[in-house]
Amino acid sequence: MTTQQIPVVVLAGFLGAGKTTLLNHLLRQARGTRIGVMVNDFGDIGIDAMTVAGQVGSTVSLGNGCLCCAVDASELDEYLEVLTRPESRLDVIVIEASGLAEPQELVRMVLASENERIVYGGLVMVVDAAEFQDTRQRHPETDRHLGIADLVVVNKSDRVSAGELLAVREAVGGLVRRAAVVEASHGRIDPELLFDRVVPEDEIEGQMSIEDILYGSDDDGHAHPHAAYDTVSLATSAPLHPRRLMEFLDSRPEGLYRIKGFVDFGAADPANRYAVHAVGRFLRFYPEPWTGGEERTTQLVLIGSAVDAAGLRKELAACEQNGPQDAPDEHSMWGVLRYVRQTEEEPDEG
């Protein structure tokens, strides 16, 4: 089904910011989630496995259901085709950009891909809290890169004082548009920020895995503080008004990183529910026929950093239709349909 598209996350940042550390953390926390890794910066990914994958064109298993391949940026689409084959059964693909790469170009290539099995999963920029100001001076393009990010991870936050960290946060906040900004040390962020973790059949969601019990929560022996973020959920049997929902989505606040779920538009389209996928400024709807006897509800989850949870719930509640007098008109779905991908077109950005 269209909603089973594989999110492709672009992970970028200058040399030494901690991209590889963050990626290795995600791989250690994968458990039942199958991650495809595309690397064009041959760092210490997967330890021994990357000594094999360091050859451009090779694809290796990382031993936990994840796959890794080393690629040249020009081969991006070719290897997306390889990694998205059904037999790979991947849940998410992460592209680690070279420390000197142009992330905007990688994002453009993902958005322009004609591979119908993928969907853009966001641009994650990693910055070194201890070296941020020096990096901006040496690499002025840093400001531009942060301006197009969907999520910024201020890494190595344990290496600076509280005052210095606040200054970095304020500087980053002045450069991003609507990106979420989270702090981390040793690249340890919650994978749920980037993708939905798959729980293996023999594991109850929320329980400690055998890896946690045997090896602790992280290979470096440190505690595993999840990056602070907020989750807001909405479940309602009242259909949402498409025009008001689009007004909400078009003006979604800074720090709101991901939106996922299903929307019932009621009489505006009684035949379909609409799966919604939003990350940063990217937005996509997928109409799916209602099945017979299925309860018609809207279920949404919003994930962000430093967002006003109560305010978001109030805004979403205002999108609910208020009886027959509030029925959408015949043109109200136009805004939604703009974000339903047409196979012959490139994806839109919201």
Protein backbone atom coordinates (compact mmCIF):
# COMPACT_ATOMS: atom_id res chain seq x y z
CA MET A 1 0.00 0.00 0.00
CA THR A 2 1.13 3.57 -0.56
CA THR A 3 1.42 4.23 3.18
CA GLN A 4 4.11 1.54 3.43
CA GLN A 5 6.63 3.66 1.56
CA ILE A 6 10.10 3.63 3.10
CA PRO A 7 11.18 6.97 4.60
CA VAL A 8 14.59 8.19 3.42
CA VAL A 9 16.38 10.35 5.99
CA VAL A 10 19.35 12.51 4.96
CA LEU A 11 21.91 12.84 7.77
CA ALA A 12 24.38 15.69 7.30
CA GLY A 13 26.83 17.85 9.20
CA PHE A 14 30.48 18.86 8.98
CA LEU A 15 33.37 16.54 9.73
CA GLY A 16 33.57 15.71 13.41
CA ALA A 17 30.03 16.82 14.28
CA GLY A 18 29.06 13.29 15.27
CA LYS A 19 27.05 11.97 12.30
CA THR A 20 28.65 8.55 12.37
CA THR A 21 28.28 8.27 16.15
CA LEU A 22 24.60 9.13 15.85
CA LEU A 23 24.11 6.64 13.03
CA ASN A 24 25.86 3.85 14.94
CA HIS A 25 23.60 4.63 17.90
CA LEU A 26 20.54 4.22 15.67
CA LEU A 27 21.89 0.90 14.42
CA ARG A 28 22.50 -0.35 17.97
CA GLN A 29 18.94 0.63 18.88
CA ALA A 30 17.41 -0.91 15.74
CA ARG A 31 16.31 -4.21 17.30
CA GLY A 32 13.43 -5.24 15.05
CA THR A 33 13.71 -2.22 12.75
CA ARG A 34 15.53 -2.95 9.50
CA ILE A 35 17.65 0.07 8.56
CA GLY A 36 19.26 0.60 5.19
CA VAL A 37 22.38 2.77 5.39
CA MET A 38 23.86 4.59 2.41
CA VAL A 39 27.25 6.13 3.14
CA ASN A 40 29.33 8.37 0.94
CA ASP A 41 31.62 9.32 3.81
CA PHE A 42 33.53 6.19 4.77
CA GLY A 43 33.51 6.48 8.52
CA ASP A 44 33.35 3.85 11.23
CA ILE A 45 29.93 2.45 10.33
CA GLY A 46 29.21 -1.03 11.53
CA ILE A 47 32.86 -1.48 12.50
CA ASP A 48 34.16 -4.53 10.57
CA ALA A 49 31.30 -4.56 8.08
CA MET A 50 32.24 -1.15 6.70
CA THR A 51 35.73 -2.36 5.81
CA VAL A 52 33.89 -4.37 3.19
CA ALA A 53 31.27 -1.76 2.38
CA GLY A 54 34.04 0.80 2.01
CA GLN A 55 34.29 -0.34 -1.58
CA VAL A 56 31.83 1.69 -3.62
CA GLY A 57 29.16 -0.60 -4.99
CA SER A 58 29.22 -3.28 -2.29
CA THR A 59 26.29 -4.00 0.00
CA VAL A 60 26.77 -5.85 3.28
CA SER A 61 24.62 -7.05 6.13
CA LEU A 62 25.36 -5.47 9.50
CA GLY A 63 24.19 -8.61 11.31
CA ASN A 64 20.98 -7.17 12.83
CA GLY A 65 18.80 -7.17 9.73
CA CYS A 66 20.26 -3.86 8.62
CA LEU A 67 22.09 -3.33 5.35
CA CYS A 68 24.89 -0.94 4.47
CA CYS A 69 26.29 0.20 1.16
CA ALA A 70 28.88 2.78 0.18
CA VAL A 71 27.86 4.93 -2.76
CA ASP A 72 28.85 7.91 -4.79
CA ALA A 73 26.18 10.64 -4.69
CA SER A 74 25.60 10.20 -8.43
CA GLU A 75 24.56 6.60 -7.74
CA LEU A 76 21.92 7.55 -5.18
CA ASP A 77 18.87 6.56 -7.18
CA GLU A 78 20.50 3.34 -8.36
CA TYR A 79 21.10 2.18 -4.81
CA LEU A 80 17.71 3.34 -3.58
CA GLU A 81 16.37 0.90 -6.16
CA VAL A 82 18.56 -1.86 -4.66
CA LEU A 83 17.65 -1.14 -1.04
CA THR A 84 13.92 -0.83 -1.67
CA ARG A 85 13.54 -4.24 -3.27
CA PRO A 86 10.83 -6.16 -1.39
CA GLU A 87 13.24 -8.92 -0.36
CA SER A 88 15.28 -6.41 1.68
CA ARG A 89 12.22 -5.67 3.86
CA LEU A 90 13.70 -2.38 5.06
CA ASP A 91 11.74 -0.04 7.32
CA VAL A 92 13.85 3.11 6.88
CA ILE A 93 16.85 4.26 4.85
CA VAL A 94 19.43 6.70 6.23
CA ILE A 95 21.84 8.47 3.88
CA GLU A 96 24.94 9.71 5.69
CA ALA A 97 26.32 12.57 3.66
CA SER A 98 30.00 13.32 3.39
CA GLY A 99 31.12 16.00 5.82
CA LEU A 100 31.78 18.21 2.81
CA ALA A 101 28.62 17.28 0.90
CA GLU A 102 25.92 19.70 -0.19
CA PRO A 103 22.86 18.43 1.72
CA GLN A 104 20.46 20.46 -0.40
CA GLU A 105 21.53 18.47 -3.45
CA LEU A 106 20.98 15.15 -1.69
CA VAL A 107 17.54 16.27 -0.56
CA ARG A 108 16.72 17.36 -4.09
CA MET A 109 17.77 13.96 -5.43
CA VAL A 110 15.53 12.15 -2.93
CA LEU A 111 12.57 14.42 -3.70
CA ALA A 112 13.12 14.01 -7.45
CA SER A 113 13.44 10.23 -7.29
CA GLU A 114 10.90 8.33 -9.36
CA ASN A 115 11.12 5.38 -6.95
CA GLU A 116 7.54 4.96 -5.74
CA ARG A 117 8.65 2.82 -2.79
CA ILE A 118 10.26 5.74 -0.93
CA VAL A 119 9.13 8.94 0.73
CA TYR A 120 11.25 11.82 2.00
CA GLY A 121 12.02 11.39 5.70
CA GLY A 122 13.67 14.73 6.43
CA LEU A 123 17.07 16.43 6.57
CA VAL A 124 18.81 15.97 9.92
CA MET A 125 21.73 18.35 10.50
CA VAL A 126 24.20 17.49 13.27
CA VAL A 127 26.24 20.31 14.80
CA ASP A 128 29.07 20.16 17.33
CA ALA A 129 28.12 22.33 20.29
CA ALA A 130 31.77 22.81 21.27
CA GLU A 131 32.92 23.81 17.79
CA PHE A 132 29.81 25.49 16.40
CA GLN A 133 31.05 29.06 16.25
CA ASP A 134 34.40 28.05 14.75
CA THR A 135 32.61 25.87 12.21
CA ARG A 136 30.43 28.79 11.11
CA GLN A 137 33.54 30.92 10.57
CA ARG A 138 35.40 28.24 8.62
CA HIS A 139 32.33 27.08 6.71
CA PRO A 140 29.92 30.00 6.11
CA GLU A 141 27.59 27.64 4.25
CA THR A 142 26.64 26.22 7.66
CA ASP A 143 24.00 28.92 8.02
CA ARG A 144 22.41 27.98 4.70
CA HIS A 145 22.45 24.27 5.52
CA LEU A 146 20.73 24.83 8.84
CA GLY A 147 18.15 27.00 7.10
CA ILE A 148 16.87 24.01 5.12
CA ALA A 149 17.07 21.44 7.93
CA ASP A 150 14.01 19.68 9.28
CA LEU A 151 15.70 18.57 12.51
CA VAL A 152 18.90 19.93 14.08
CA VAL A 153 20.77 17.82 16.63
CA VAL A 154 23.06 19.92 18.82
CA ASN A 155 25.52 17.16 19.63
CA LYS A 156 28.30 16.98 22.23
CA SER A 157 26.16 19.06 24.58
CA ASP A 158 28.04 17.50 27.49
CA ARG A 159 31.26 19.21 26.40
CA VAL A 160 30.10 22.79 26.98
CA SER A 161 28.76 24.74 29.93
CA ALA A 162 25.07 25.46 30.35
CA GLY A 163 25.64 29.06 29.25
CA GLU A 164 27.59 28.04 26.15
CA LEU A 165 24.92 25.48 25.24
CA LEU A 166 22.20 28.10 25.56
CA ALA A 167 24.17 30.42 23.27
CA VAL A 168 24.50 27.69 20.66
CA ARG A 169 20.79 26.89 20.91
CA GLU A 170 19.91 30.55 20.43
CA ALA A 171 22.27 30.88 17.47
CA VAL A 172 20.87 27.75 15.83
CA GLY A 173 17.33 28.90 16.52
CA GLY A 174 18.04 32.12 14.67
CA LEU A 175 19.19 30.22 11.59
CA VAL A 176 16.54 27.52 11.23
CA ARG A 177 13.11 28.11 9.79
CA ARG A 178 10.62 25.74 11.37
CA ALA A 179 13.08 22.98 12.25
CA ALA A 180 12.98 21.16 15.56
CA VAL A 181 16.16 21.53 17.61
CA VAL A 182 17.22 18.88 20.14
CA GLU A 183 20.30 18.43 22.27
CA ALA A 184 22.30 15.20 22.50
CA SER A 185 25.54 13.78 23.77
CA HIS A 186 27.36 10.94 22.03
CA GLY A 187 24.74 11.13 19.26
CA ARG A 188 22.10 9.52 21.46
CA ILE A 189 18.69 10.60 20.22
CA ASP A 190 15.50 8.59 20.38
CA PRO A 191 15.00 6.74 17.07
CA GLU A 192 11.29 7.58 17.33
CA LEU A 193 12.19 11.13 16.36
CA LEU A 194 13.23 9.88 12.92
CA PHE A 195 11.19 6.74 12.29
CA ASP A 196 8.71 4.33 13.80
CA ARG A 197 10.56 1.57 15.60
CA VAL A 198 9.34 -1.91 14.69
CA VAL A 199 8.80 -4.13 17.72
CA PRO A 200 9.84 -7.76 17.11
CA GLU A 201 7.14 -10.39 17.56
CA ASP A 202 8.84 -11.78 20.69
CA GLU A 203 9.25 -8.37 22.34
CA ILE A 204 6.59 -6.40 24.16
CA GLU A 205 6.73 -2.72 23.28
CA GLY A 206 8.43 -0.77 26.03
CA GLN A 207 10.18 -3.71 27.67
CA MET A 208 13.96 -4.01 27.82
CA SER A 209 15.46 -5.95 24.96
CA ILE A 210 17.98 -8.74 25.43
CA GLU A 211 20.61 -6.31 24.10
CA ASP A 212 19.77 -3.87 26.91
CA ILE A 213 20.06 -6.60 29.52
CA LEU A 214 23.34 -8.04 28.22
CA TYR A 215 25.14 -4.93 27.05
CA GLY A 216 23.40 -1.97 28.62
CA SER A 217 21.61 0.75 26.72
CA ASP A 218 24.62 1.93 24.72
CA ASP A 219 27.97 0.53 23.68
CA ASP A 220 29.97 3.31 25.30
CA GLY A 221 28.63 2.53 28.76
CA HIS A 222 26.97 5.89 29.27
CA ALA A 223 23.39 6.31 30.34
CA HIS A 224 20.96 6.77 27.50
CA PRO A 225 19.10 10.05 28.00
CA HIS A 226 16.63 10.44 25.16
CA ALA A 227 16.61 13.81 23.49
CA ALA A 228 13.73 15.82 24.87
CA TYR A 229 10.75 15.95 22.57
CA ASP A 230 6.98 16.13 22.82
CA THR A 231 4.31 13.85 21.40
CA VAL A 232 0.75 15.07 20.90
CA SER A 233 -2.01 12.64 19.91
CA LEU A 234 -5.49 13.24 18.53
CA ALA A 235 -8.24 10.66 18.20
CA THR A 236 -11.72 11.84 17.29
CA SER A 237 -14.81 10.45 15.63
CA ALA A 238 -15.69 13.89 14.27
CA PRO A 239 -14.54 14.41 10.65
CA LEU A 240 -12.01 17.17 10.11
CA HIS A 241 -12.74 20.11 7.86
CA PRO A 242 -10.18 19.92 5.02
CA ARG A 243 -9.80 23.68 4.65
CA ARG A 244 -9.18 24.27 8.35
CA LEU A 245 -6.80 21.33 8.59
CA MET A 246 -4.77 22.72 5.68
CA GLU A 247 -4.66 26.11 7.39
CA PHE A 248 -3.25 24.36 10.45
CA LEU A 249 -0.70 22.37 8.43
CA ASP A 250 0.38 25.39 6.38
CA SER A 251 1.11 27.35 9.55
CA ARG A 252 2.46 24.50 11.70
CA PRO A 253 4.77 25.93 14.34
CA GLU A 254 8.52 25.80 14.72
CA GLY A 255 9.73 22.63 16.33
CA LEU A 256 6.92 20.43 15.00
CA TYR A 257 8.99 17.82 13.20
CA ARG A 258 6.74 14.88 12.27
CA ILE A 259 3.02 14.34 11.73
CA LYS A 260 1.60 10.91 10.97
CA GLY A 261 -1.75 9.17 11.06
CA PHE A 262 -5.10 9.02 9.28
CA VAL A 263 -7.74 11.68 8.63
CA ASP A 264 -11.46 11.32 8.04
CA PHE A 265 -12.81 14.22 5.96
CA GLY A 266 -16.40 13.02 6.22
CA ALA A 267 -18.71 14.15 3.43
CA ALA A 268 -15.82 15.91 1.65
CA ASP A 269 -14.67 12.42 0.56
CA PRO A 270 -16.86 9.69 2.07
CA ALA A 271 -15.12 6.93 0.11
CA ASN A 272 -11.59 7.43 1.48
CA ARG A 273 -9.58 8.02 4.58
CA TYR A 274 -6.33 9.95 4.10
CA ALA A 275 -3.01 8.81 5.50
CA VAL A 276 -0.87 11.84 6.26
CA HIS A 277 2.94 12.01 6.36
CA ALA A 278 4.67 15.27 7.21
CA VAL A 279 8.29 15.87 8.12
CA GLY A 280 9.60 19.40 8.44
CA ARG A 281 8.12 21.32 5.52
CA PHE A 282 7.39 18.18 3.48
CA LEU A 283 3.76 17.04 3.37
CA ARG A 284 2.02 14.18 1.63
CA PHE A 285 -1.51 12.70 1.75
CA TYR A 286 -2.44 9.19 0.60
CA PRO A 287 -6.13 8.41 -0.02
CA GLU A 288 -7.14 4.86 0.93
CA PRO A 289 -10.62 3.33 0.56
CA TRP A 290 -12.51 2.74 3.77
CA THR A 291 -13.16 -0.93 4.40
CA GLY A 292 -16.62 -2.19 5.20
CA GLY A 293 -17.54 -1.87 8.85
CA GLU A 294 -14.39 0.11 9.71
CA GLU A 295 -14.88 2.75 12.37
CA ARG A 296 -14.40 6.16 10.79
CA THR A 297 -12.06 8.10 13.02
CA THR A 298 -9.18 10.53 12.74
CA GLN A 299 -5.99 9.47 14.48
CA LEU A 300 -2.95 11.75 14.39
CA VAL A 301 0.39 11.83 16.20
CA LEU A 302 2.51 15.00 16.23
CA ILE A 303 6.17 14.88 17.30
CA GLY A 304 8.29 17.92 17.98
CA SER A 305 10.60 19.78 20.31
CA ALA A 306 9.56 22.62 22.59
CA VAL A 307 6.06 22.75 21.12
CA ASP A 308 2.93 23.99 22.89
CA ALA A 309 1.09 20.68 23.33
CA ALA A 310 -2.07 22.26 24.74
CA GLY A 311 -2.09 24.84 21.96
CA LEU A 312 -1.71 22.15 19.29
CA ARG A 313 -4.60 20.14 20.72
CA LYS A 314 -6.76 23.26 20.72
CA GLU A 315 -5.88 24.05 17.10
CA LEU A 316 -6.61 20.48 16.02
CA ALA A 317 -9.92 20.47 17.87
CA ALA A 318 -10.85 23.62 15.93
CA CYS A 319 -10.43 21.59 12.71
CA GLU A 320 -13.30 19.27 13.64
CA GLN A 321 -16.54 19.68 11.73
CA ASN A 322 -19.38 21.00 13.85
CA GLY A 323 -22.49 19.35 12.45
CA PRO A 324 -24.32 19.66 9.10
CA GLN A 325 -24.08 23.45 9.07
CA ASP A 326 -20.28 23.08 8.97
CA ALA A 327 -20.19 20.70 6.00
CA PRO A 328 -17.28 21.35 3.60
CA ASP A 329 -18.11 22.83 0.20
CA GLU A 330 -17.23 21.13 -3.08
CA HIS A 331 -13.92 22.99 -3.40
CA SER A 332 -12.65 22.37 0.13
CA MET A 333 -10.55 19.31 -0.79
CA TRP A 334 -8.43 21.16 -3.34
CA GLY A 335 -5.80 22.08 -0.77
CA VAL A 336 -5.50 18.44 0.35
CA LEU A 337 -5.38 17.04 -3.16
CA ARG A 338 -2.43 19.30 -3.95
CA TYR A 339 -0.39 17.04 -1.67
CA VAL A 340 -1.55 13.74 -3.13
CA ARG A 341 1.36 12.68 -5.27
CA GLN A 342 0.72 12.23 -8.95
CA THR A 343 2.99 9.52 -10.38
CA GLU A 344 4.18 11.73 -13.23
CA GLU A 345 5.08 14.63 -10.94
CA GLU A 346 7.80 15.29 -8.43
CA PRO A 347 6.72 15.50 -4.78
CA ASP A 348 5.50 18.82 -3.43
CA GLU A 349 7.00 20.47 -0.39
CA GLY A 350 4.60 22.05 2.03
